[in-house]
């Protein structure tokens, strides 16, 4: 439960950091007492967690009003450390949306690259990758494949283990989140 609660809090902080770069428009609004000026988002927001660990970040970002959710299901082949896609489902009109691809860990970068490639093929053009923890090899791989996609990371650890885990890292975020 501690890990889940911490991941939800971190997700909201990462969302706020990501939103700093989003377009906004000035809008006139009305309170019960007077008119005032404010800002609104001109485009929809779509949250796309990479299943299953990305669901922990999604839960923390759901307070975002009117956000839609898509999903990319990937698992990492233990021998090759390459992602295998088993599921994908996205809301319509991704081309108009601000899309956030969510995964707590950016380790090798292969899953992030696969998920972003899938989202782009579905029409997304305004993307960000959101993670709690990244490492230099994963950052380099994602930037090589998708240099147009900003990475919002809570922290960067120095290296990967021979099994492709971030060191010192957090362990398997999905296993910790779901207690498996």
N, C-alpha and C. Protein backbone atom coordinates (compact mmCIF):
# COMPACT_ATOMS: atom_id res chain seq x y z
N UNK A 1 0.82 -1.20 0.00
CA UNK A 1 0.00 0.00 0.00
C UNK A 1 0.86 1.26 0.00
N UNK A 2 1.99 1.23 0.71
CA UNK A 2 2.87 2.40 0.71
C UNK A 2 3.39 2.71 -0.68
N UNK A 3 3.79 1.65 -1.40
CA UNK A 3 4.31 1.84 -2.76
C UNK A 3 3.22 2.42 -3.66
N UNK A 4 2.01 1.88 -3.57
CA UNK A 4 0.90 2.39 -4.39
C UNK A 4 0.63 3.86 -4.10
N UNK A 5 0.54 4.21 -2.83
CA UNK A 5 0.25 5.60 -2.46
C UNK A 5 1.35 6.53 -2.95
N UNK A 6 2.60 6.10 -2.80
CA UNK A 6 3.72 6.93 -3.25
C UNK A 6 3.69 7.10 -4.77
N UNK A 7 3.38 6.01 -5.48
CA UNK A 7 3.32 6.10 -6.95
C UNK A 7 2.22 7.04 -7.40
N UNK A 8 1.07 7.02 -6.73
CA UNK A 8 -0.03 7.92 -7.07
C UNK A 8 0.38 9.38 -6.85
N UNK A 9 1.05 9.65 -5.74
CA UNK A 9 1.49 11.04 -5.46
C UNK A 9 2.52 11.49 -6.49
N UNK A 10 3.47 10.62 -6.80
CA UNK A 10 4.48 10.95 -7.81
C UNK A 10 3.83 11.18 -9.18
N UNK A 11 2.83 10.39 -9.51
CA UNK A 11 2.15 10.54 -10.80
C UNK A 11 1.54 11.93 -10.93
N UNK A 12 0.91 12.40 -9.88
CA UNK A 12 0.29 13.72 -9.94
C UNK A 12 1.35 14.81 -10.09
N UNK A 13 2.47 14.67 -9.41
CA UNK A 13 3.56 15.64 -9.55
C UNK A 13 4.15 15.62 -10.96
N UNK A 14 4.32 14.43 -11.52
CA UNK A 14 4.85 14.31 -12.88
C UNK A 14 3.86 14.89 -13.90
N UNK A 15 2.57 14.68 -13.66
CA UNK A 15 1.55 15.27 -14.52
C UNK A 15 1.63 16.78 -14.51
N UNK A 16 1.78 17.36 -13.34
CA UNK A 16 1.89 18.82 -13.26
C UNK A 16 3.13 19.33 -14.00
N UNK A 17 4.22 18.61 -13.88
CA UNK A 17 5.44 19.00 -14.60
C UNK A 17 5.23 18.89 -16.11
N UNK A 18 4.61 17.81 -16.56
CA UNK A 18 4.36 17.64 -18.00
C UNK A 18 3.45 18.74 -18.52
N UNK A 19 2.44 19.11 -17.74
CA UNK A 19 1.45 20.10 -18.19
C UNK A 19 2.04 21.50 -18.34
N UNK A 20 3.18 21.74 -17.74
CA UNK A 20 3.80 23.08 -17.86
C UNK A 20 4.07 23.46 -19.31
N UNK A 21 4.27 22.48 -20.18
CA UNK A 21 4.59 22.76 -21.59
C UNK A 21 3.38 22.70 -22.52
N UNK A 22 2.21 22.40 -22.00
CA UNK A 22 1.03 22.28 -22.85
C UNK A 22 0.52 23.63 -23.30
N UNK A 23 -0.10 23.65 -24.48
CA UNK A 23 -0.77 24.84 -24.97
C UNK A 23 -1.97 25.14 -24.07
N UNK A 24 -2.25 26.42 -23.92
CA UNK A 24 -3.48 26.81 -23.21
C UNK A 24 -4.04 28.04 -23.91
N UNK A 25 -5.31 28.29 -23.68
CA UNK A 25 -5.97 29.45 -24.28
C UNK A 25 -6.65 30.26 -23.20
N UNK A 26 -6.68 31.53 -23.42
CA UNK A 26 -7.37 32.45 -22.51
C UNK A 26 -8.88 32.27 -22.69
N UNK A 27 -9.61 32.32 -21.60
CA UNK A 27 -11.05 32.14 -21.67
C UNK A 27 -11.72 33.03 -20.62
N UNK A 28 -12.85 33.59 -21.01
CA UNK A 28 -13.65 34.36 -20.05
C UNK A 28 -14.57 33.41 -19.31
N UNK A 29 -14.60 33.56 -18.01
CA UNK A 29 -15.42 32.70 -17.16
C UNK A 29 -16.26 33.57 -16.24
N UNK A 30 -17.21 32.94 -15.62
CA UNK A 30 -18.12 33.68 -14.75
C UNK A 30 -18.19 32.99 -13.39
N UNK A 31 -17.89 33.74 -12.35
CA UNK A 31 -18.13 33.25 -10.99
C UNK A 31 -19.50 33.73 -10.55
N UNK A 32 -20.01 33.32 -9.42
CA UNK A 32 -21.30 33.84 -8.96
C UNK A 32 -21.29 35.36 -8.76
N UNK A 33 -20.10 35.95 -8.63
CA UNK A 33 -20.02 37.39 -8.35
C UNK A 33 -19.58 38.26 -9.52
N UNK A 34 -18.73 37.71 -10.41
CA UNK A 34 -18.21 38.56 -11.49
C UNK A 34 -17.56 37.72 -12.57
N UNK A 35 -17.36 38.32 -13.72
CA UNK A 35 -16.62 37.69 -14.81
C UNK A 35 -15.13 37.78 -14.50
N UNK A 36 -14.39 36.80 -14.99
CA UNK A 36 -12.93 36.83 -14.81
C UNK A 36 -12.29 36.06 -15.96
N UNK A 37 -11.01 36.29 -16.15
CA UNK A 37 -10.26 35.61 -17.20
C UNK A 37 -9.53 34.41 -16.62
N UNK A 38 -9.44 33.36 -17.39
CA UNK A 38 -8.72 32.16 -16.98
C UNK A 38 -8.13 31.48 -18.18
N UNK A 39 -7.60 30.30 -17.99
CA UNK A 39 -7.04 29.54 -19.10
C UNK A 39 -7.70 28.17 -19.15
N UNK A 40 -7.79 27.64 -20.36
CA UNK A 40 -8.33 26.31 -20.61
C UNK A 40 -7.39 25.57 -21.56
N UNK A 41 -7.47 24.26 -21.54
CA UNK A 41 -6.70 23.46 -22.48
C UNK A 41 -7.48 23.35 -23.78
N UNK A 42 -6.88 23.69 -24.91
CA UNK A 42 -7.60 23.67 -26.17
C UNK A 42 -7.75 22.29 -26.79
N UNK A 43 -7.05 21.32 -26.24
CA UNK A 43 -7.12 19.98 -26.83
C UNK A 43 -7.34 18.94 -25.74
N UNK A 44 -7.92 17.81 -26.11
CA UNK A 44 -8.14 16.76 -25.12
C UNK A 44 -6.82 16.14 -24.66
N UNK A 45 -6.86 15.50 -23.51
CA UNK A 45 -5.70 14.79 -22.97
C UNK A 45 -6.02 13.30 -22.97
N UNK A 46 -5.06 12.50 -23.46
CA UNK A 46 -5.20 11.05 -23.47
C UNK A 46 -4.04 10.46 -22.69
N UNK A 47 -4.37 9.64 -21.70
CA UNK A 47 -3.38 8.95 -20.88
C UNK A 47 -3.26 7.52 -21.39
N UNK A 48 -2.04 7.09 -21.72
CA UNK A 48 -1.82 5.76 -22.27
C UNK A 48 -0.80 5.02 -21.41
N UNK A 49 -1.28 4.27 -20.41
CA UNK A 49 -0.34 3.47 -19.63
C UNK A 49 0.13 2.25 -20.41
N UNK A 50 1.39 1.90 -20.22
CA UNK A 50 1.90 0.64 -20.73
C UNK A 50 1.54 -0.40 -19.67
N UNK A 51 0.72 -1.37 -20.09
CA UNK A 51 0.27 -2.39 -19.13
C UNK A 51 1.43 -3.29 -18.75
N UNK A 52 1.51 -3.55 -17.53
CA UNK A 52 0.62 -3.35 -16.45
C UNK A 52 1.11 -2.29 -15.48
N UNK A 53 2.41 -2.10 -15.36
CA UNK A 53 2.95 -1.17 -14.37
C UNK A 53 2.46 0.26 -14.58
N UNK A 54 2.20 0.66 -15.82
CA UNK A 54 1.74 2.01 -16.10
C UNK A 54 0.40 2.33 -15.47
N UNK A 55 -0.36 1.30 -15.08
CA UNK A 55 -1.65 1.54 -14.43
C UNK A 55 -1.49 2.29 -13.11
N UNK A 56 -0.37 2.11 -12.44
CA UNK A 56 -0.12 2.84 -11.20
C UNK A 56 0.00 4.33 -11.43
N UNK A 57 0.63 4.74 -12.52
CA UNK A 57 0.70 6.16 -12.85
C UNK A 57 -0.66 6.67 -13.29
N UNK A 58 -1.39 5.86 -14.05
CA UNK A 58 -2.72 6.26 -14.50
C UNK A 58 -3.61 6.58 -13.30
N UNK A 59 -3.63 5.73 -12.31
CA UNK A 59 -4.47 5.96 -11.13
C UNK A 59 -4.18 7.31 -10.50
N UNK A 60 -2.91 7.68 -10.44
CA UNK A 60 -2.55 8.96 -9.84
C UNK A 60 -2.91 10.16 -10.69
N UNK A 61 -3.12 9.95 -11.99
CA UNK A 61 -3.44 11.05 -12.90
C UNK A 61 -4.92 11.18 -13.21
N UNK A 62 -5.72 10.25 -12.77
CA UNK A 62 -7.15 10.28 -13.09
C UNK A 62 -7.90 11.49 -12.54
N UNK A 63 -7.39 12.21 -11.53
CA UNK A 63 -8.09 13.44 -11.15
C UNK A 63 -8.13 14.49 -12.28
N UNK A 64 -7.34 14.29 -13.35
CA UNK A 64 -7.35 15.21 -14.47
C UNK A 64 -8.72 15.14 -15.14
N UNK A 65 -9.47 16.24 -15.10
CA UNK A 65 -10.84 16.18 -15.64
C UNK A 65 -10.86 15.90 -17.14
N UNK A 66 -11.78 15.09 -17.56
CA UNK A 66 -12.08 14.81 -18.96
C UNK A 66 -10.97 14.08 -19.70
N UNK A 67 -9.98 13.53 -19.00
CA UNK A 67 -8.94 12.78 -19.69
C UNK A 67 -9.50 11.45 -20.17
N UNK A 68 -9.10 11.06 -21.37
CA UNK A 68 -9.45 9.74 -21.90
C UNK A 68 -8.28 8.81 -21.64
N UNK A 69 -8.55 7.52 -21.76
CA UNK A 69 -7.51 6.54 -21.50
C UNK A 69 -7.41 5.56 -22.66
N UNK A 70 -6.19 5.29 -23.08
CA UNK A 70 -5.89 4.23 -24.02
C UNK A 70 -5.02 3.22 -23.30
N UNK A 71 -4.69 2.13 -23.95
CA UNK A 71 -3.83 1.12 -23.34
C UNK A 71 -2.92 0.49 -24.38
N UNK A 72 -1.70 0.21 -23.97
CA UNK A 72 -0.77 -0.59 -24.76
C UNK A 72 -0.30 -1.71 -23.85
N UNK A 73 -0.56 -2.96 -24.25
CA UNK A 73 -0.12 -4.11 -23.48
C UNK A 73 1.17 -4.65 -24.05
N UNK A 74 2.21 -4.65 -23.22
CA UNK A 74 3.52 -5.17 -23.62
C UNK A 74 4.07 -6.04 -22.51
N UNK A 75 4.80 -7.06 -22.86
CA UNK A 75 5.62 -7.75 -21.87
C UNK A 75 7.02 -7.87 -22.43
N UNK A 76 7.99 -7.99 -21.54
CA UNK A 76 9.38 -8.06 -21.96
C UNK A 76 9.81 -9.51 -22.04
N UNK A 77 10.24 -9.93 -23.24
CA UNK A 77 10.77 -11.27 -23.41
C UNK A 77 12.02 -11.40 -22.54
N UNK A 78 12.06 -12.37 -21.62
CA UNK A 78 13.18 -12.45 -20.70
C UNK A 78 14.52 -12.77 -21.36
N UNK A 79 14.49 -13.42 -22.50
CA UNK A 79 15.73 -13.76 -23.19
C UNK A 79 16.32 -12.61 -23.97
N UNK A 80 15.47 -11.91 -24.73
CA UNK A 80 15.96 -10.85 -25.60
C UNK A 80 15.84 -9.46 -24.97
N UNK A 81 15.04 -9.35 -23.89
CA UNK A 81 14.71 -8.06 -23.25
C UNK A 81 13.95 -7.13 -24.20
N UNK A 82 13.38 -7.70 -25.27
CA UNK A 82 12.62 -6.91 -26.24
C UNK A 82 11.13 -7.01 -25.92
N UNK A 83 10.38 -5.94 -26.21
CA UNK A 83 8.94 -5.97 -25.92
C UNK A 83 8.15 -6.79 -26.93
N UNK A 84 7.09 -7.41 -26.42
CA UNK A 84 6.15 -8.14 -27.25
C UNK A 84 4.78 -7.52 -26.98
N UNK A 85 4.15 -6.98 -28.04
CA UNK A 85 2.85 -6.33 -27.85
C UNK A 85 1.74 -7.36 -27.94
N UNK A 86 0.84 -7.32 -26.95
CA UNK A 86 -0.30 -8.23 -26.94
C UNK A 86 -1.64 -7.50 -26.95
N UNK A 87 -1.62 -6.17 -26.80
CA UNK A 87 -2.89 -5.43 -26.76
C UNK A 87 -2.63 -3.96 -27.07
N UNK A 88 -3.61 -3.34 -27.74
CA UNK A 88 -3.59 -1.89 -27.92
C UNK A 88 -5.01 -1.42 -28.18
N UNK A 89 -5.36 -0.32 -27.55
CA UNK A 89 -6.69 0.27 -27.74
C UNK A 89 -6.58 1.75 -27.39
N UNK A 90 -7.02 2.60 -28.32
CA UNK A 90 -6.89 4.05 -28.12
C UNK A 90 -8.21 4.74 -28.38
N UNK A 91 -8.43 5.89 -27.73
CA UNK A 91 -9.60 6.70 -28.06
C UNK A 91 -9.46 7.27 -29.48
N UNK A 92 -10.58 7.69 -30.04
CA UNK A 92 -10.56 8.32 -31.37
C UNK A 92 -9.87 9.68 -31.28
N UNK A 93 -9.50 10.21 -32.40
CA UNK A 93 -8.96 11.57 -32.54
C UNK A 93 -7.67 11.80 -31.74
N UNK A 94 -6.77 10.81 -31.76
CA UNK A 94 -5.47 11.01 -31.11
C UNK A 94 -4.69 12.16 -31.73
N UNK A 95 -4.93 12.42 -33.00
CA UNK A 95 -4.18 13.48 -33.68
C UNK A 95 -4.46 14.86 -33.09
N UNK A 96 -5.60 15.02 -32.43
CA UNK A 96 -5.95 16.31 -31.82
C UNK A 96 -5.54 16.40 -30.36
N UNK A 97 -5.10 15.30 -29.76
CA UNK A 97 -4.91 15.23 -28.32
C UNK A 97 -3.46 15.45 -27.89
N UNK A 98 -3.33 15.83 -26.63
CA UNK A 98 -2.05 15.78 -25.93
C UNK A 98 -1.99 14.38 -25.32
N UNK A 99 -1.01 13.57 -25.73
CA UNK A 99 -0.96 12.17 -25.32
C UNK A 99 0.23 11.94 -24.40
N UNK A 100 -0.05 11.31 -23.26
CA UNK A 100 0.98 10.97 -22.30
C UNK A 100 1.10 9.45 -22.24
N UNK A 101 2.27 8.94 -22.60
CA UNK A 101 2.54 7.51 -22.48
C UNK A 101 3.18 7.30 -21.12
N UNK A 102 2.63 6.37 -20.33
CA UNK A 102 2.98 6.22 -18.92
C UNK A 102 3.62 4.87 -18.63
N UNK A 103 4.77 4.89 -18.00
CA UNK A 103 5.42 3.68 -17.49
C UNK A 103 6.35 4.11 -16.36
N UNK A 104 6.25 3.50 -15.19
CA UNK A 104 7.07 3.97 -14.08
C UNK A 104 8.58 3.93 -14.35
N UNK A 105 9.03 2.96 -15.16
CA UNK A 105 10.46 2.78 -15.37
C UNK A 105 10.81 2.92 -16.85
N UNK A 106 11.88 3.67 -17.12
CA UNK A 106 12.46 3.75 -18.46
C UNK A 106 13.83 3.09 -18.34
N UNK A 107 13.86 1.77 -18.56
CA UNK A 107 15.07 0.98 -18.36
C UNK A 107 15.86 0.85 -19.67
N UNK A 108 15.55 -0.18 -20.45
CA UNK A 108 16.23 -0.35 -21.74
C UNK A 108 15.72 0.64 -22.78
N UNK A 109 14.48 1.09 -22.59
CA UNK A 109 13.84 1.99 -23.54
C UNK A 109 13.05 1.27 -24.62
N UNK A 110 13.19 -0.04 -24.71
CA UNK A 110 12.53 -0.78 -25.80
C UNK A 110 11.01 -0.74 -25.68
N UNK A 111 10.48 -0.91 -24.48
CA UNK A 111 9.02 -0.87 -24.31
C UNK A 111 8.47 0.52 -24.62
N UNK A 112 9.17 1.55 -24.15
CA UNK A 112 8.73 2.92 -24.42
C UNK A 112 8.72 3.19 -25.92
N UNK A 113 9.76 2.77 -26.63
CA UNK A 113 9.83 2.97 -28.08
C UNK A 113 8.69 2.24 -28.77
N UNK A 114 8.43 0.99 -28.38
CA UNK A 114 7.35 0.20 -28.99
C UNK A 114 5.99 0.86 -28.75
N UNK A 115 5.75 1.29 -27.50
CA UNK A 115 4.47 1.92 -27.18
C UNK A 115 4.28 3.22 -27.94
N UNK A 116 5.29 4.05 -27.98
CA UNK A 116 5.18 5.34 -28.67
C UNK A 116 5.02 5.13 -30.17
N UNK A 117 5.72 4.17 -30.74
CA UNK A 117 5.54 3.84 -32.15
C UNK A 117 4.09 3.45 -32.43
N UNK A 118 3.51 2.65 -31.55
CA UNK A 118 2.12 2.21 -31.70
C UNK A 118 1.15 3.39 -31.62
N UNK A 119 1.39 4.28 -30.67
CA UNK A 119 0.52 5.45 -30.49
C UNK A 119 0.64 6.39 -31.69
N UNK A 120 1.85 6.57 -32.20
CA UNK A 120 2.03 7.41 -33.39
C UNK A 120 1.34 6.81 -34.61
N UNK A 121 1.41 5.49 -34.77
CA UNK A 121 0.73 4.85 -35.90
C UNK A 121 -0.77 5.06 -35.83
N UNK A 122 -1.29 5.24 -34.62
CA UNK A 122 -2.73 5.48 -34.44
C UNK A 122 -3.09 6.95 -34.64
N UNK A 123 -2.08 7.81 -34.91
CA UNK A 123 -2.36 9.20 -35.25
C UNK A 123 -1.87 10.25 -34.27
N UNK A 124 -1.32 9.87 -33.14
CA UNK A 124 -0.86 10.86 -32.16
C UNK A 124 0.34 11.65 -32.69
N UNK A 125 0.33 12.95 -32.44
CA UNK A 125 1.43 13.81 -32.87
C UNK A 125 2.02 14.64 -31.72
N UNK A 126 1.27 14.81 -30.64
CA UNK A 126 1.74 15.57 -29.47
C UNK A 126 1.88 14.60 -28.31
N UNK A 127 3.10 14.13 -28.11
CA UNK A 127 3.33 13.09 -27.11
C UNK A 127 4.36 13.52 -26.07
N UNK A 128 4.23 12.92 -24.89
CA UNK A 128 5.23 12.99 -23.85
C UNK A 128 5.33 11.61 -23.23
N UNK A 129 6.52 11.25 -22.79
CA UNK A 129 6.71 10.00 -22.06
C UNK A 129 6.93 10.35 -20.60
N UNK A 130 6.14 9.73 -19.71
CA UNK A 130 6.19 10.05 -18.29
C UNK A 130 6.66 8.81 -17.53
N UNK A 131 7.70 8.98 -16.70
CA UNK A 131 8.19 7.87 -15.87
C UNK A 131 8.68 8.40 -14.53
N UNK A 132 8.71 7.51 -13.56
CA UNK A 132 9.23 7.87 -12.24
C UNK A 132 10.74 7.82 -12.26
N UNK A 133 11.29 6.78 -12.87
CA UNK A 133 12.73 6.54 -12.83
C UNK A 133 13.22 6.15 -14.22
N UNK A 134 14.34 6.73 -14.62
CA UNK A 134 14.94 6.43 -15.91
C UNK A 134 16.43 6.16 -15.70
N UNK A 135 17.09 5.68 -16.74
CA UNK A 135 18.54 5.51 -16.71
C UNK A 135 19.08 5.90 -18.09
N UNK A 136 20.37 6.23 -18.16
CA UNK A 136 20.93 6.73 -19.43
C UNK A 136 20.69 5.84 -20.64
N UNK A 137 20.84 4.50 -20.56
CA UNK A 137 20.58 3.71 -21.78
C UNK A 137 19.14 3.82 -22.27
N UNK A 138 18.18 3.85 -21.37
CA UNK A 138 16.78 3.98 -21.77
C UNK A 138 16.48 5.34 -22.37
N UNK A 139 17.04 6.37 -21.77
CA UNK A 139 16.86 7.73 -22.29
C UNK A 139 17.44 7.82 -23.70
N UNK A 140 18.65 7.28 -23.88
CA UNK A 140 19.31 7.34 -25.19
C UNK A 140 18.50 6.58 -26.25
N UNK A 141 17.99 5.40 -25.89
CA UNK A 141 17.21 4.60 -26.84
C UNK A 141 15.93 5.31 -27.26
N UNK A 142 15.22 5.89 -26.29
CA UNK A 142 13.98 6.59 -26.60
C UNK A 142 14.26 7.84 -27.44
N UNK A 143 15.29 8.59 -27.09
CA UNK A 143 15.61 9.79 -27.87
C UNK A 143 16.09 9.44 -29.27
N UNK A 144 16.79 8.31 -29.42
CA UNK A 144 17.24 7.89 -30.75
C UNK A 144 16.03 7.57 -31.64
N UNK A 145 15.08 6.83 -31.10
CA UNK A 145 13.93 6.39 -31.90
C UNK A 145 12.88 7.48 -32.07
N UNK A 146 12.69 8.31 -31.04
CA UNK A 146 11.64 9.34 -31.06
C UNK A 146 12.18 10.65 -30.48
N UNK A 147 13.07 11.33 -31.22
CA UNK A 147 13.66 12.56 -30.69
C UNK A 147 12.65 13.68 -30.45
N UNK A 148 11.46 13.55 -31.01
CA UNK A 148 10.42 14.57 -30.86
C UNK A 148 9.58 14.38 -29.60
N UNK A 149 9.82 13.33 -28.84
CA UNK A 149 8.99 13.03 -27.67
C UNK A 149 9.76 13.39 -26.40
N UNK A 150 9.29 14.43 -25.69
CA UNK A 150 9.95 14.79 -24.43
C UNK A 150 9.75 13.71 -23.37
N UNK A 151 10.75 13.56 -22.52
CA UNK A 151 10.71 12.63 -21.40
C UNK A 151 10.57 13.43 -20.12
N UNK A 152 9.58 13.10 -19.31
CA UNK A 152 9.42 13.70 -17.99
C UNK A 152 9.70 12.59 -16.98
N UNK A 153 10.81 12.70 -16.26
CA UNK A 153 11.24 11.67 -15.31
C UNK A 153 11.43 12.28 -13.94
N UNK A 154 11.05 11.52 -12.92
CA UNK A 154 11.24 11.97 -11.55
C UNK A 154 12.70 11.95 -11.14
N UNK A 155 13.45 10.95 -11.60
CA UNK A 155 14.87 10.82 -11.27
C UNK A 155 15.55 9.95 -12.31
N UNK A 156 16.88 10.03 -12.34
CA UNK A 156 17.68 9.22 -13.25
C UNK A 156 18.71 8.46 -12.42
N UNK A 157 18.68 7.12 -12.51
CA UNK A 157 19.68 6.27 -11.87
C UNK A 157 20.76 5.93 -12.88
N UNK A 158 21.96 5.53 -12.41
CA UNK A 158 23.11 5.46 -13.31
C UNK A 158 23.20 4.32 -14.30
N UNK A 159 22.61 3.14 -14.02
CA UNK A 159 22.91 2.02 -14.93
C UNK A 159 21.81 0.97 -14.91
N UNK A 160 22.00 -0.04 -15.78
CA UNK A 160 21.13 -1.21 -15.87
C UNK A 160 21.86 -2.44 -15.39
N UNK A 161 21.12 -3.37 -14.79
CA UNK A 161 21.70 -4.68 -14.45
C UNK A 161 21.76 -5.53 -15.72
N UNK A 162 22.39 -6.70 -15.63
CA UNK A 162 22.46 -7.59 -16.79
C UNK A 162 21.09 -8.15 -17.17
N UNK A 163 20.10 -8.02 -16.30
CA UNK A 163 18.72 -8.44 -16.61
C UNK A 163 17.86 -7.28 -17.06
N UNK A 164 18.45 -6.11 -17.26
CA UNK A 164 17.72 -4.96 -17.78
C UNK A 164 16.94 -4.18 -16.74
N UNK A 165 17.28 -4.31 -15.46
CA UNK A 165 16.64 -3.53 -14.41
C UNK A 165 17.49 -2.32 -14.06
N UNK A 166 16.83 -1.21 -13.72
CA UNK A 166 17.54 0.00 -13.32
C UNK A 166 18.20 -0.22 -11.96
N UNK A 167 19.46 0.20 -11.84
CA UNK A 167 20.23 0.06 -10.61
C UNK A 167 20.63 1.43 -10.09
N UNK A 168 20.37 1.78 -8.82
CA UNK A 168 19.78 0.92 -7.81
C UNK A 168 18.29 0.68 -8.01
N UNK A 169 17.56 1.57 -8.59
CA UNK A 169 16.18 1.34 -9.01
C UNK A 169 15.19 1.09 -7.89
N UNK A 170 14.05 0.55 -8.30
CA UNK A 170 12.94 0.26 -7.38
C UNK A 170 12.53 -1.20 -7.43
N UNK A 171 13.19 -2.00 -8.22
CA UNK A 171 12.72 -3.36 -8.47
C UNK A 171 11.68 -3.32 -9.57
N UNK A 172 10.88 -4.36 -9.66
CA UNK A 172 9.84 -4.43 -10.68
C UNK A 172 8.64 -3.63 -10.19
N UNK A 173 8.39 -2.48 -10.79
CA UNK A 173 7.32 -1.58 -10.32
C UNK A 173 5.95 -2.24 -10.42
N UNK A 174 5.71 -3.02 -11.46
CA UNK A 174 4.43 -3.71 -11.59
C UNK A 174 4.22 -4.72 -10.49
N UNK A 175 5.24 -5.52 -10.20
CA UNK A 175 5.13 -6.49 -9.11
C UNK A 175 4.91 -5.81 -7.77
N UNK A 176 5.62 -4.71 -7.54
CA UNK A 176 5.45 -4.01 -6.27
C UNK A 176 4.06 -3.37 -6.17
N UNK A 177 3.58 -2.80 -7.27
CA UNK A 177 2.28 -2.15 -7.27
C UNK A 177 1.15 -3.15 -7.05
N UNK A 178 1.23 -4.31 -7.71
CA UNK A 178 0.17 -5.29 -7.64
C UNK A 178 0.40 -6.39 -6.60
N UNK A 179 1.55 -6.35 -5.92
CA UNK A 179 1.81 -7.33 -4.87
C UNK A 179 2.02 -8.74 -5.38
N UNK A 180 2.65 -8.87 -6.56
CA UNK A 180 2.87 -10.19 -7.14
C UNK A 180 4.34 -10.56 -7.11
